[in-house]
Amino acid sequence: RYADAPPAVAFVRGFGLKQGAIAATVAHDSHNVLAVGATDAELCRAVNAVIAARGGMAVADGEHVDVLELEVAGLM
């Protein structure tokens, strides 16, 4: 979030997400963008929505995206 760097990618087990994606900048210690999702396209939509809001939380389901903008440092 604060510098250009390649994304860190990992597999997540036990999250239970069958469709859609969630992205957020509220991540203790780093406050980088964290995201989990069922498809690459939904992950991209959720992450891009958080970036466009300059911090916050977003959910994407298919083409639909909702964002909670957190205007104070992307945390509040």
Protein backbone atom coordinates (compact mmCIF):
# COMPACT_ATOMS: atom_id res chain seq x y z
CA ARG A 1 0.00 0.00 0.00
CA TYR A 2 2.85 2.40 0.71
CA ALA A 3 5.33 1.31 -1.96
CA ASP A 4 5.39 -0.49 -5.28
CA ALA A 5 6.07 -4.13 -4.52
CA PRO A 6 4.93 -7.41 -6.00
CA PRO A 7 1.97 -8.98 -4.21
CA ALA A 8 2.47 -11.83 -1.80
CA VAL A 9 0.18 -14.70 -2.81
CA ALA A 10 -0.87 -17.67 -0.68
CA PHE A 11 -3.59 -20.28 -0.49
CA VAL A 12 -6.11 -19.98 2.35
CA ARG A 13 -7.79 -23.03 3.84
CA GLY A 14 -10.91 -23.11 5.97
CA PHE A 15 -12.24 -19.66 5.06
CA GLY A 16 -15.40 -21.19 3.58
CA LEU A 17 -15.84 -18.63 0.80
CA LYS A 18 -17.63 -20.22 -2.18
CA GLN A 19 -17.99 -17.07 -4.30
CA GLY A 20 -17.02 -13.41 -4.17
CA ALA A 21 -14.06 -11.69 -2.55
CA ILE A 22 -13.23 -9.49 0.44
CA ALA A 23 -10.43 -6.90 0.61
CA ALA A 24 -9.41 -4.60 3.46
CA THR A 25 -6.66 -2.26 4.60
CA VAL A 26 -7.29 -2.93 8.29
CA ALA A 27 -4.55 -5.47 8.93
CA HIS A 28 -2.69 -5.12 12.23
CA ASP A 29 1.05 -4.45 11.98
CA SER A 30 1.23 -3.70 8.24
CA HIS A 31 -2.12 -2.24 7.15
CA ASN A 32 -1.37 -3.43 3.64
CA VAL A 33 -4.25 -4.55 1.46
CA LEU A 34 -5.30 -8.09 2.36
CA ALA A 35 -7.78 -10.00 0.24
CA VAL A 36 -9.35 -13.43 0.00
CA GLY A 37 -11.61 -14.55 -2.79
CA ALA A 38 -13.02 -17.33 -4.91
CA THR A 39 -11.91 -16.00 -8.31
CA ASP A 40 -9.11 -13.81 -9.64
CA ALA A 41 -11.61 -11.40 -11.22
CA GLU A 42 -13.50 -10.87 -7.96
CA LEU A 43 -10.24 -10.46 -6.04
CA CYS A 44 -9.15 -7.77 -8.50
CA ARG A 45 -12.46 -5.94 -8.23
CA ALA A 46 -12.37 -5.92 -4.41
CA VAL A 47 -8.70 -4.87 -4.21
CA ASN A 48 -9.12 -2.15 -6.85
CA ALA A 49 -12.17 -0.78 -5.00
CA VAL A 50 -10.13 -0.48 -1.77
CA ILE A 51 -7.31 1.21 -3.66
CA ALA A 52 -9.72 3.65 -5.32
CA ALA A 53 -11.19 4.50 -1.90
CA ARG A 54 -7.66 5.06 -0.54
CA GLY A 55 -8.34 2.57 2.23
CA GLY A 56 -11.26 0.69 3.64
CA MET A 57 -13.09 -2.59 3.13
CA ALA A 58 -14.71 -3.96 0.00
CA VAL A 59 -16.72 -6.98 -1.03
CA ALA A 60 -17.17 -8.13 -4.61
CA ASP A 61 -19.68 -10.67 -5.86
CA GLY A 62 -19.65 -11.08 -9.60
CA GLU A 63 -19.90 -7.57 -11.06
CA HIS A 64 -21.33 -6.06 -7.85
CA VAL A 65 -18.89 -4.26 -5.50
CA ASP A 66 -19.64 -2.52 -2.18
CA VAL A 67 -17.08 -0.38 -0.36
CA LEU A 68 -16.81 0.92 3.18
CA GLU A 69 -14.42 3.87 2.87
CA LEU A 70 -12.22 4.35 5.92
CA GLU A 71 -11.06 7.92 5.38
CA VAL A 72 -8.67 8.28 8.32
CA ALA A 73 -5.46 6.48 7.27
CA GLY A 74 -7.56 3.67 5.76
CA LEU A 75 -8.28 2.48 9.31
CA MET A 76 -11.19 4.58 10.60
